[in-house]
Amino acid sequence: MLRISSSSLHVPSICGAPVNFILSFWNPSSRKVSNFTRLALLHSTTLFPNSSNFQFPTFKRVSTMMGRTHSCSRVVTASYSAGSGPGGSSGGDREILVQHLLVKEDDQKLLLDLQERTAEGEDLSDLAIEYSMCPSKEDGGMLGWVRKGQMVPEFEEAAFGAPLNKVVKCKTKFGWHLLQVLSEREESVLEHIQPNEFHVRLQDPSFLEEAQLIDVREPEEVAQASVPGFQVLPLRQFGVWGPEISTKFDPQKDTYVLCHHGMRSLQVAKWLQTQGFRKVFNVAGGIHEYAVKVDPSIPTY
């Protein structure tokens, strides 16, 4: 069962990766779901896996996003790492975008047939929908962005050693896989920044030119207390600004996220990671902690 709470996901493993991308397993009655989670789920049919982070969806179905030529959409192509392909480095600081299909260990005939069909130009995602045993078949076999340590060793070795876009096979305890690495990027960073340190950075005249600040509180909250320099993106309006986040903000710039107590901002910060933002800071304790520890002129509420 997929359980979703306001701050974390508890998920089983299928094919060695968390299955928080399998929406059909979600039981909405299992736990209380945050407003942001509800809005995010409304805007996609897939959630990307990440064993250490709370993940949120992209805004197009995988089949639409990938296309026949495997040219990814803006959402997933931001900030790829430069240099060699997946086989050219250790992978410790990289994430790869992977799709796959899974067949039974003793179904060698089907495996060879599917492998031949991909070699002739058929799309792996289409074949996954029709033949894969993995629940990820519902999303064309998409496993999303993964890093080393999230998958079973055999799958991980094959995936991080595979050339981009080449379909390769590997065997795990689950059966035989055909997998394809669609792209790669540098692993994103999420840090908590304490109010005092954030205040020091705000005093640098160049800070607001080099960084981007997002306040995810509601307008009535911002009216009560605010910090200059933040652009307000109310969480309840996620469906409006979410799909355009990578055009309104630069994924390459340091991004700081603020809310009341630091919880909503943490959710959004983690979601920004899935959208290709390279370095994201969550203001710990939110504006309340900032007012208490740094600037008492800011009202608390």
Protein backbone atom coordinates (compact mmCIF):
# COMPACT_ATOMS: atom_id res chain seq x y z
CA MET A 1 0.00 0.00 0.00
CA LEU A 2 1.23 3.49 -0.77
CA ARG A 3 0.84 5.79 2.18
CA ILE A 4 1.11 9.54 1.80
CA SER A 5 1.51 11.93 4.70
CA SER A 6 2.18 15.63 4.76
CA SER A 7 5.92 15.23 5.20
CA SER A 8 7.01 11.77 4.11
CA LEU A 9 6.23 8.72 2.08
CA HIS A 10 6.32 5.17 3.32
CA VAL A 11 6.44 2.86 0.33
CA PRO A 12 7.21 -0.75 -0.53
CA SER A 13 9.86 -1.68 -3.09
CA ILE A 14 9.22 -3.16 -6.50
CA CYS A 15 12.12 -3.94 -8.84
CA GLY A 16 14.41 -2.61 -6.16
CA ALA A 17 13.10 0.96 -6.35
CA PRO A 18 10.45 2.69 -4.24
CA VAL A 19 7.05 2.63 -5.89
CA ASN A 20 5.91 6.10 -4.88
CA PHE A 21 5.41 6.66 -8.61
CA ILE A 22 2.59 4.11 -8.77
CA LEU A 23 -0.48 6.18 -8.16
CA SER A 24 -2.85 3.23 -8.37
CA PHE A 25 -1.48 1.90 -5.06
CA TRP A 26 -2.46 5.05 -3.22
CA ASN A 27 -5.09 4.63 -0.54
CA PRO A 28 -6.39 8.12 0.30
CA SER A 29 -7.94 6.87 3.53
CA SER A 30 -4.68 5.51 4.91
CA ARG A 31 -3.40 8.85 6.26
CA LYS A 32 -4.12 12.53 6.24
CA VAL A 33 -2.91 14.13 3.02
CA SER A 34 -1.61 17.69 2.87
CA ASN A 35 -3.22 20.26 0.60
CA PHE A 36 -0.06 20.42 -1.50
CA THR A 37 -0.03 16.65 -1.93
CA ARG A 38 -3.66 16.71 -3.05
CA LEU A 39 -2.96 19.46 -5.58
CA ALA A 40 0.15 17.73 -6.85
CA LEU A 41 -1.70 14.47 -7.33
CA LEU A 42 -4.41 16.23 -9.28
CA HIS A 43 -1.88 17.39 -11.85
CA SER A 44 -0.24 14.10 -12.76
CA THR A 45 -0.64 10.37 -13.00
CA THR A 46 2.94 9.61 -11.99
CA LEU A 47 5.19 10.27 -9.01
CA PHE A 48 8.93 9.96 -9.43
CA PRO A 49 10.83 7.75 -6.96
CA ASN A 50 13.40 8.91 -4.50
CA SER A 51 14.04 6.93 -1.36
CA SER A 52 15.16 9.90 0.74
CA ASN A 53 12.90 12.69 -0.46
CA PHE A 54 9.21 13.43 -0.60
CA GLN A 55 8.53 13.53 -4.33
CA PHE A 56 5.96 15.31 -6.42
CA PRO A 57 4.85 14.77 -9.98
CA THR A 58 5.73 16.23 -13.31
CA PHE A 59 2.89 17.70 -15.31
CA LYS A 60 2.70 15.52 -18.40
CA ARG A 61 2.11 11.83 -18.79
CA VAL A 62 5.33 9.94 -19.33
CA SER A 63 4.29 8.81 -22.80
CA THR A 64 3.77 12.43 -23.83
CA MET A 65 6.83 13.67 -22.03
CA MET A 66 9.29 11.23 -23.57
CA GLY A 67 8.10 11.08 -27.16
CA ARG A 68 9.31 8.69 -29.84
CA THR A 69 12.74 10.27 -30.05
CA HIS A 70 13.21 10.29 -26.29
CA SER A 71 13.52 14.06 -26.22
CA CYS A 72 12.42 14.96 -22.70
CA SER A 73 10.25 17.93 -21.80
CA ARG A 74 11.53 21.07 -20.12
CA VAL A 75 10.51 19.70 -16.74
CA VAL A 76 12.98 16.84 -16.80
CA THR A 77 15.80 18.24 -18.93
CA ALA A 78 16.88 21.12 -16.73
CA SER A 79 20.48 21.06 -15.47
CA TYR A 80 21.95 17.86 -16.81
CA SER A 81 25.55 17.18 -15.93
CA ALA A 82 28.19 17.94 -18.52
CA GLY A 83 30.81 15.51 -19.69
CA SER A 84 30.59 11.81 -20.41
CA GLY A 85 27.49 9.66 -20.52
CA PRO A 86 26.21 7.38 -17.77
CA GLY A 87 29.02 4.89 -18.30
CA GLY A 88 31.73 7.51 -18.07
CA SER A 89 31.81 8.33 -14.35
CA SER A 90 31.10 6.80 -10.98
CA GLY A 91 27.52 8.06 -10.79
CA GLY A 92 27.89 9.12 -7.18
CA ASP A 93 26.96 12.72 -7.94
CA ARG A 94 24.53 12.02 -10.77
CA GLU A 95 20.92 11.06 -11.20
CA ILE A 96 19.68 9.17 -14.24
CA LEU A 97 16.23 9.07 -15.78
CA VAL A 98 15.29 5.42 -16.30
CA GLN A 99 12.45 3.46 -17.84
CA HIS A 100 12.21 -0.32 -17.98
CA LEU A 101 10.06 -3.36 -18.46
CA LEU A 102 10.10 -6.60 -16.48
CA VAL A 103 9.35 -10.17 -17.58
CA LYS A 104 9.52 -13.48 -15.74
CA GLU A 105 12.91 -15.15 -15.33
CA ASP A 106 11.83 -18.20 -17.37
CA ASP A 107 10.23 -16.18 -20.18
CA GLN A 108 13.35 -16.00 -22.33
CA LYS A 109 11.43 -16.17 -25.60
CA LEU A 110 9.42 -13.07 -24.75
CA LEU A 111 12.55 -11.26 -23.55
CA LEU A 112 14.38 -11.89 -26.84
CA ASP A 113 11.33 -10.91 -28.86
CA LEU A 114 10.96 -7.62 -27.00
CA GLN A 115 14.66 -6.92 -27.27
CA GLU A 116 14.50 -7.41 -31.04
CA ARG A 117 11.48 -5.15 -31.31
CA THR A 118 13.28 -2.32 -29.50
CA ALA A 119 16.27 -2.82 -31.82
CA GLU A 120 13.89 -2.39 -34.76
CA GLY A 121 12.70 0.92 -33.38
CA GLU A 122 9.70 0.15 -31.17
CA ASP A 123 9.41 2.30 -28.10
CA LEU A 124 10.29 0.62 -24.80
CA SER A 125 7.56 2.52 -22.99
CA ASP A 126 4.90 1.17 -25.36
CA LEU A 127 6.17 -2.38 -24.85
CA ALA A 128 6.25 -1.88 -21.08
CA ILE A 129 2.58 -0.91 -21.05
CA GLU A 130 1.69 -4.11 -22.88
CA TYR A 131 4.09 -6.68 -21.46
CA SER A 132 5.79 -5.55 -18.23
CA MET A 133 5.08 -7.27 -14.90
CA CYS A 134 6.11 -4.19 -12.92
CA PRO A 135 3.34 -1.84 -11.75
CA SER A 136 5.35 0.94 -13.38
CA LYS A 137 3.87 -0.33 -16.67
CA GLU A 138 0.98 2.06 -16.05
CA ASP A 139 3.42 4.89 -16.73
CA GLY A 140 5.28 3.28 -19.59
CA GLY A 141 7.84 1.68 -17.28
CA MET A 142 9.07 5.05 -16.01
CA LEU A 143 11.10 4.82 -12.80
CA GLY A 144 11.98 8.51 -12.83
CA TRP A 145 15.18 10.11 -11.59
CA VAL A 146 17.25 7.70 -9.50
CA ARG A 147 20.68 7.77 -7.92
CA LYS A 148 23.03 5.08 -6.72
CA GLY A 149 21.89 3.23 -3.62
CA GLN A 150 18.19 3.21 -4.51
CA MET A 151 18.07 0.06 -6.65
CA VAL A 152 19.13 -3.56 -6.36
CA PRO A 153 22.82 -3.94 -7.31
CA GLU A 154 22.28 -5.77 -10.61
CA PHE A 155 19.83 -3.19 -11.92
CA GLU A 156 21.96 -0.32 -10.66
CA GLU A 157 25.12 -1.64 -12.32
CA ALA A 158 23.34 -2.05 -15.64
CA ALA A 159 21.61 1.32 -15.48
CA PHE A 160 24.66 3.38 -14.53
CA GLY A 161 26.76 1.57 -17.10
CA ALA A 162 24.32 1.91 -19.98
CA PRO A 163 24.89 4.41 -22.82
CA LEU A 164 22.16 7.02 -23.16
CA ASN A 165 19.04 5.77 -24.99
CA LYS A 166 20.45 2.26 -25.56
CA VAL A 167 18.15 -0.55 -24.40
CA VAL A 168 20.08 -3.06 -22.31
CA LYS A 169 19.02 -6.15 -20.37
CA CYS A 170 19.83 -7.32 -16.88
CA LYS A 171 18.63 -10.00 -14.50
CA THR A 172 17.60 -9.41 -10.89
CA LYS A 173 15.71 -11.45 -8.31
CA PHE A 174 12.51 -10.04 -9.84
CA GLY A 175 13.18 -11.42 -13.32
CA TRP A 176 14.62 -10.04 -16.57
CA HIS A 177 14.63 -6.31 -17.26
CA LEU A 178 15.01 -4.29 -20.41
CA LEU A 179 16.03 -0.82 -19.31
CA GLN A 180 16.82 2.46 -20.99
CA VAL A 181 18.58 5.52 -19.58
CA LEU A 182 16.94 8.55 -21.15
CA SER A 183 19.06 11.31 -19.62
CA GLU A 184 21.27 12.29 -16.70
CA ARG A 185 21.82 15.29 -14.49
CA GLU A 186 23.88 16.37 -11.52
CA GLU A 187 22.33 15.37 -8.24
CA SER A 188 20.43 18.29 -6.74
CA VAL A 189 21.09 19.61 -3.24
CA LEU A 190 18.56 20.50 -0.55
CA GLU A 191 19.76 22.25 2.58
CA HIS A 192 18.15 23.78 5.66
CA ILE A 193 19.35 27.28 6.37
CA GLN A 194 18.97 28.77 9.84
CA PRO A 195 17.30 32.20 10.17
CA ASN A 196 20.50 33.86 11.45
CA GLU A 197 22.54 32.66 8.49
CA PHE A 198 19.80 33.61 6.06
CA HIS A 199 19.66 37.10 7.59
CA VAL A 200 23.41 37.51 7.08
CA ARG A 201 23.06 36.61 3.42
CA LEU A 202 20.21 39.09 3.00
CA GLN A 203 22.56 41.90 4.04
CA ASP A 204 24.75 41.29 0.98
CA PRO A 205 23.59 43.74 -1.74
CA SER A 206 24.33 41.18 -4.47
CA PHE A 207 22.38 38.38 -2.78
CA LEU A 208 18.98 39.22 -4.25
CA GLU A 209 20.53 39.44 -7.72
CA GLU A 210 22.15 36.02 -7.50
CA ALA A 211 19.44 34.12 -5.61
CA GLN A 212 15.69 33.69 -5.96
CA LEU A 213 13.28 33.71 -3.01
CA ILE A 214 9.89 32.01 -2.89
CA ASP A 215 7.27 32.47 -0.15
CA VAL A 216 4.63 29.72 -0.35
CA ARG A 217 2.29 31.18 2.27
CA GLU A 218 -1.18 32.43 1.49
CA PRO A 219 -1.76 36.15 0.73
CA GLU A 220 -3.50 36.77 4.06
CA GLU A 221 -0.44 35.40 5.87
CA VAL A 222 1.96 37.53 3.86
CA ALA A 223 -0.15 40.59 4.70
CA GLN A 224 0.47 39.92 8.39
CA ALA A 225 4.22 39.34 8.19
CA SER A 226 6.75 39.32 5.37
CA VAL A 227 10.43 39.50 4.47
CA PRO A 228 11.42 41.75 1.54
CA GLY A 229 12.59 40.12 -1.67
CA PHE A 230 10.31 37.09 -1.72
CA GLN A 231 7.98 36.29 -4.59
CA VAL A 232 4.71 34.90 -3.25
CA LEU A 233 3.52 31.60 -4.73
CA PRO A 234 0.58 30.54 -2.53
CA LEU A 235 0.50 26.81 -2.01
CA ARG A 236 -3.23 26.66 -2.65
CA GLN A 237 -2.55 28.02 -6.13
CA PHE A 238 0.00 25.30 -6.91
CA GLY A 239 -2.03 24.18 -9.91
CA VAL A 240 -1.54 27.63 -11.45
CA TRP A 241 2.16 28.27 -10.88
CA GLY A 242 3.46 24.71 -10.63
CA PRO A 243 3.50 23.84 -14.34
CA GLU A 244 5.38 27.06 -15.15
CA ILE A 245 7.96 26.94 -12.37
CA SER A 246 10.95 26.32 -14.63
CA THR A 247 10.07 29.26 -16.87
CA LYS A 248 9.42 31.71 -14.05
CA PHE A 249 12.54 30.73 -12.11
CA ASP A 250 16.05 29.65 -13.09
CA PRO A 251 16.80 26.07 -11.95
CA GLN A 252 20.51 26.92 -11.95
CA LYS A 253 20.20 29.66 -9.32
CA ASP A 254 20.18 29.12 -5.56
CA THR A 255 16.53 29.03 -4.51
CA TYR A 256 15.26 29.84 -1.01
CA VAL A 257 11.79 28.76 0.13
CA LEU A 258 9.90 30.24 3.09
CA CYS A 259 6.60 29.53 4.86
CA HIS A 260 5.18 29.99 8.38
CA HIS A 261 7.05 27.26 10.29
CA GLY A 262 9.16 25.57 7.61
CA MET A 263 6.98 22.58 6.79
CA ARG A 264 5.15 23.70 3.65
CA SER A 265 8.36 25.23 2.36
CA LEU A 266 10.15 21.92 2.88
CA GLN A 267 7.56 20.12 0.77
CA VAL A 268 7.93 22.65 -2.02
CA ALA A 269 11.72 22.61 -1.74
CA LYS A 270 11.77 18.85 -2.22
CA TRP A 271 9.39 19.15 -5.14
CA LEU A 272 11.65 21.77 -6.73
CA GLN A 273 14.42 19.17 -6.67
CA THR A 274 12.34 16.91 -8.87
CA GLN A 275 11.91 19.77 -11.32
CA GLY A 276 15.65 20.12 -11.88
CA PHE A 277 16.49 22.92 -9.42
CA ARG A 278 20.14 22.39 -8.57
CA LYS A 279 20.41 23.95 -5.09
CA VAL A 280 17.40 24.60 -2.87
CA PHE A 281 17.37 26.06 0.65
CA ASN A 282 14.50 25.65 3.11
CA VAL A 283 14.39 28.48 5.66
CA ALA A 284 14.25 26.47 8.88
CA GLY A 285 11.45 27.44 11.24
CA GLY A 286 9.91 29.71 8.65
CA ILE A 287 9.10 33.36 9.12
CA HIS A 288 8.05 32.68 12.72
CA GLU A 289 11.56 31.58 13.68
CA TYR A 290 13.04 34.45 11.68
CA ALA A 291 10.90 36.95 13.62
CA VAL A 292 11.73 35.41 17.00
CA LYS A 293 15.48 34.99 16.50
CA VAL A 294 16.43 37.71 14.03
CA ASP A 295 13.93 40.49 13.52
CA PRO A 296 11.41 41.13 16.34
CA SER A 297 9.82 43.93 14.29
CA ILE A 298 8.16 41.23 12.19
CA PRO A 299 4.82 40.22 13.78
CA THR A 300 4.25 36.62 14.79
CA TYR A 301 0.91 34.94 14.22
